[in-house]
């Protein structure tokens, strides 16, 4: 792999912003979108458990309904693609078993050889559940995936807008998630900025490096 250079990385990160107005007439090329879906699949998570499902909402009718569940924001219909990030609730043995089996298959090993690893994960999940923070812990993993996805998009010249301004219960109902292990956490609109989106040229406001990074 040939890494990009530092100026290229910083240029992409400075270029990226939470796009408020998308160009609804500009689609994302199919091969480029396939790459971004792979970026989602490759997102990191604690233990590699992947406690999520990413729902790409292609249906125009569903996307229109999501506008009403997004405080009237129009990104769900204006953006070329719209991804809903869901988290696996009360993750436990069933998911862990699938993960261990998948690990054994991909790495070509006997699942029994992964028993010590499985035990460590199970103990960690049980501890988080008894402390009442299991779902919160897993939700944190989804936000890691969101950041990973947005950075990947920026490096490919694709705009994004992360969205928490939505009603999760309404999203769950619209997307048929009720009664499943998954619930909506946030969403991300993906596409290309409109030429008249004033926020594209608004300077980023960040605290100075010395105020946010400490060396001890």
Protein backbone atom coordinates (compact mmCIF):
# COMPACT_ATOMS: atom_id res chain seq x y z
CA UNK A 1 0.00 0.00 0.00
CA UNK A 2 1.20 3.48 -0.86
CA UNK A 3 0.05 5.94 1.80
CA UNK A 4 -1.25 9.37 0.90
CA UNK A 5 0.91 12.25 2.03
CA UNK A 6 0.22 14.63 4.91
CA UNK A 7 -0.92 17.57 2.75
CA UNK A 8 -3.44 15.32 0.97
CA UNK A 9 -4.88 14.11 4.26
CA UNK A 10 -5.17 17.59 5.74
CA UNK A 11 -6.66 18.96 2.53
CA UNK A 12 -9.40 16.31 2.62
CA UNK A 13 -10.17 16.98 6.27
CA UNK A 14 -10.29 20.75 5.74
CA UNK A 15 -12.51 20.24 2.69
CA UNK A 16 -14.97 18.07 4.62
CA UNK A 17 -17.86 19.71 6.45
CA UNK A 18 -21.35 18.71 7.56
CA UNK A 19 -23.06 19.36 4.24
CA UNK A 20 -26.39 21.07 4.77
CA UNK A 21 -27.54 21.26 1.16
CA UNK A 22 -26.89 18.46 -1.30
CA UNK A 23 -27.20 18.46 -5.07
CA UNK A 24 -30.10 16.00 -5.59
CA UNK A 25 -29.29 15.66 -9.30
CA UNK A 26 -25.77 14.33 -8.77
CA UNK A 27 -25.50 10.60 -8.03
CA UNK A 28 -22.52 8.78 -6.57
CA UNK A 29 -20.98 6.46 -9.20
CA UNK A 30 -21.78 2.81 -8.46
CA UNK A 31 -18.16 1.71 -8.10
CA UNK A 32 -17.42 4.59 -5.74
CA UNK A 33 -20.45 3.76 -3.61
CA UNK A 34 -19.40 0.11 -3.49
CA UNK A 35 -16.05 1.23 -2.10
CA UNK A 36 -17.76 3.29 0.59
CA UNK A 37 -19.91 0.31 1.57
CA UNK A 38 -16.70 -1.67 1.94
CA UNK A 39 -15.39 1.11 4.17
CA UNK A 40 -18.40 0.51 6.41
CA UNK A 41 -17.70 -3.22 6.50
CA UNK A 42 -14.06 -2.53 7.40
CA UNK A 43 -14.87 -0.16 10.28
CA UNK A 44 -13.14 -1.08 13.56
CA UNK A 45 -14.97 -2.12 16.71
CA UNK A 46 -14.12 -3.42 20.17
CA UNK A 47 -13.07 -7.08 19.89
CA UNK A 48 -14.08 -6.78 16.23
CA UNK A 49 -17.65 -7.63 17.29
CA UNK A 50 -19.33 -5.30 14.76
CA UNK A 51 -22.47 -4.65 16.86
CA UNK A 52 -24.30 -2.90 14.08
CA UNK A 53 -26.27 -2.94 10.88
CA UNK A 54 -25.96 -0.16 8.31
CA UNK A 55 -29.18 0.40 6.40
CA UNK A 56 -28.82 2.09 3.03
CA UNK A 57 -32.26 3.52 2.33
CA UNK A 58 -32.81 3.37 -1.42
CA UNK A 59 -36.61 3.64 -1.47
CA UNK A 60 -37.73 7.22 -2.31
CA UNK A 61 -40.95 6.64 -0.37
CA UNK A 62 -39.12 5.57 2.77
CA UNK A 63 -36.67 8.43 2.46
CA UNK A 64 -39.56 10.89 2.23
CA UNK A 65 -41.02 9.44 5.42
CA UNK A 66 -37.65 9.84 7.12
CA UNK A 67 -37.77 13.59 6.47
CA UNK A 68 -40.72 13.80 8.84
CA UNK A 69 -38.79 11.79 11.42
CA UNK A 70 -35.74 14.06 11.00
CA UNK A 71 -37.27 17.30 12.28
CA UNK A 72 -38.06 18.29 8.70
CA UNK A 73 -34.46 18.19 7.50
CA UNK A 74 -34.35 17.33 3.80
CA UNK A 75 -30.98 15.56 3.60
CA UNK A 76 -32.70 12.13 3.52
CA UNK A 77 -34.21 12.95 0.12
CA UNK A 78 -31.67 15.42 -1.26
CA UNK A 79 -28.52 13.38 -0.73
CA UNK A 80 -27.51 10.76 -3.27
CA UNK A 81 -27.40 8.10 -0.55
CA UNK A 82 -28.74 7.90 2.97
CA UNK A 83 -27.36 5.49 5.56
CA UNK A 84 -28.98 4.72 8.90
CA UNK A 85 -26.60 3.50 11.58
CA UNK A 86 -28.22 1.02 13.95
CA UNK A 87 -26.85 -0.68 17.05
CA UNK A 88 -27.42 -4.24 18.20
CA UNK A 89 -29.32 -4.04 21.51
CA UNK A 90 -28.46 -6.30 24.43
CA UNK A 91 -25.75 -8.08 22.46
CA UNK A 92 -25.04 -11.54 23.80
CA UNK A 93 -24.33 -15.20 23.10
CA UNK A 94 -26.12 -15.44 19.75
CA UNK A 95 -24.11 -12.64 18.18
CA UNK A 96 -20.91 -13.75 19.87
CA UNK A 97 -21.38 -17.27 18.52
CA UNK A 98 -21.83 -15.94 14.98
CA UNK A 99 -18.72 -13.81 15.36
CA UNK A 100 -16.59 -16.70 16.59
CA UNK A 101 -17.81 -18.94 13.78
CA UNK A 102 -17.12 -16.24 11.21
CA UNK A 103 -13.63 -15.72 12.64
CA UNK A 104 -12.93 -19.45 12.43
CA UNK A 105 -14.16 -19.59 8.83
CA UNK A 106 -12.20 -16.57 7.63
CA UNK A 107 -8.98 -17.64 9.36
CA UNK A 108 -9.36 -21.32 8.60
CA UNK A 109 -9.18 -22.57 12.18
CA UNK A 110 -11.22 -24.87 14.39
CA UNK A 111 -13.76 -22.79 16.36
CA UNK A 112 -12.70 -24.68 19.49
CA UNK A 113 -9.29 -23.02 19.31
CA UNK A 114 -11.03 -19.68 19.83
CA UNK A 115 -12.67 -20.70 23.11
CA UNK A 116 -10.25 -18.66 25.28
CA UNK A 117 -10.93 -15.57 23.14
CA UNK A 118 -14.65 -16.22 23.28
CA UNK A 119 -14.50 -16.48 27.07
CA UNK A 120 -12.72 -13.12 27.37
CA UNK A 121 -15.33 -11.41 25.20
CA UNK A 122 -18.23 -13.08 27.03
CA UNK A 123 -16.88 -11.93 30.38
CA UNK A 124 -16.48 -8.39 29.10
CA UNK A 125 -20.03 -8.32 27.73
CA UNK A 126 -21.42 -9.78 30.95
CA UNK A 127 -19.57 -7.19 33.01
CA UNK A 128 -20.88 -4.34 30.89
CA UNK A 129 -24.42 -5.71 31.09
CA UNK A 130 -24.34 -6.08 34.88
CA UNK A 131 -23.06 -2.51 35.13
CA UNK A 132 -25.94 -1.29 32.95
CA UNK A 133 -23.68 0.04 30.21
CA UNK A 134 -23.74 -2.69 27.57
CA UNK A 135 -25.88 -0.85 25.02
CA UNK A 136 -23.97 2.39 25.59
CA UNK A 137 -20.67 0.59 25.03
CA UNK A 138 -21.92 -0.89 21.78
CA UNK A 139 -23.32 2.47 20.67
CA UNK A 140 -19.83 3.92 21.05
CA UNK A 141 -18.62 1.39 18.48
CA UNK A 142 -21.20 2.62 15.97
CA UNK A 143 -19.93 6.18 16.33
CA UNK A 144 -16.42 4.93 15.59
CA UNK A 145 -17.83 3.43 12.38
CA UNK A 146 -19.54 6.74 11.53
CA UNK A 147 -16.29 8.69 11.87
CA UNK A 148 -14.42 6.06 9.88
CA UNK A 149 -17.03 6.28 7.12
CA UNK A 150 -17.01 10.08 6.97
CA UNK A 151 -13.23 10.25 6.78
CA UNK A 152 -13.22 7.62 4.03
CA UNK A 153 -15.78 9.61 2.07
CA UNK A 154 -13.80 12.82 2.42
CA UNK A 155 -10.67 11.13 1.10
CA UNK A 156 -12.67 10.10 -1.97
CA UNK A 157 -14.14 13.58 -2.48
CA UNK A 158 -17.64 12.66 -1.33
CA UNK A 159 -19.63 14.88 1.03
CA UNK A 160 -21.39 13.70 4.17
CA UNK A 161 -23.65 15.02 6.87
CA UNK A 162 -23.90 13.09 10.15
CA UNK A 163 -27.38 13.33 11.64
CA UNK A 164 -28.54 12.89 15.20
CA UNK A 165 -31.42 15.28 14.65
CA UNK A 166 -33.92 12.49 14.23
CA UNK A 167 -36.46 10.50 16.23
CA UNK A 168 -35.05 6.97 16.62
CA UNK A 169 -38.39 5.37 17.50
CA UNK A 170 -39.95 6.76 14.32
CA UNK A 171 -37.00 5.61 12.24
CA UNK A 172 -37.33 2.14 13.73
CA UNK A 173 -40.99 2.02 12.79
CA UNK A 174 -40.46 3.32 9.25
CA UNK A 175 -37.56 0.93 8.59
CA UNK A 176 -39.25 -2.12 10.09
CA UNK A 177 -36.81 -2.48 12.96
CA UNK A 178 -39.41 -2.97 15.67
CA UNK A 179 -39.10 -6.46 17.11
CA UNK A 180 -35.55 -6.90 15.75
CA UNK A 181 -32.28 -6.75 17.71
CA UNK A 182 -31.44 -3.40 16.11
CA UNK A 183 -32.40 0.18 16.87
CA UNK A 184 -31.56 3.46 15.16
CA UNK A 185 -28.70 5.47 16.61
CA UNK A 186 -27.92 8.08 13.97
CA UNK A 187 -27.75 8.54 10.20
CA UNK A 188 -25.48 9.93 7.53
CA UNK A 189 -26.46 11.66 4.30
CA UNK A 190 -23.94 11.10 1.52
CA UNK A 191 -23.52 12.81 -1.84
CA UNK A 192 -22.22 16.05 -3.30
CA UNK A 193 -22.67 19.58 -1.97
CA UNK A 194 -24.97 21.97 -3.79
CA UNK A 195 -23.22 24.88 -5.48
CA UNK A 196 -25.12 27.34 -3.31
CA UNK A 197 -24.55 25.70 0.06
CA UNK A 198 -23.11 28.64 1.95
CA UNK A 199 -21.56 26.38 4.58
CA UNK A 200 -19.12 24.97 2.02
CA UNK A 201 -17.03 28.13 2.23
CA UNK A 202 -17.65 28.98 5.88
CA UNK A 203 -14.34 28.75 7.78
CA UNK A 204 -14.04 25.88 10.23
CA UNK A 205 -14.03 26.92 13.87
CA UNK A 206 -11.62 24.86 15.95
CA UNK A 207 -9.78 25.62 19.17
CA UNK A 208 -5.99 26.02 18.81
CA UNK A 209 -3.91 22.84 18.89
CA UNK A 210 -2.38 23.83 22.23
CA UNK A 211 -5.82 23.95 23.83
CA UNK A 212 -7.01 20.53 22.70
CA UNK A 213 -3.84 18.41 22.62
CA UNK A 214 -1.77 17.85 25.72
CA UNK A 215 1.65 16.20 25.91
CA UNK A 216 2.50 14.65 29.26
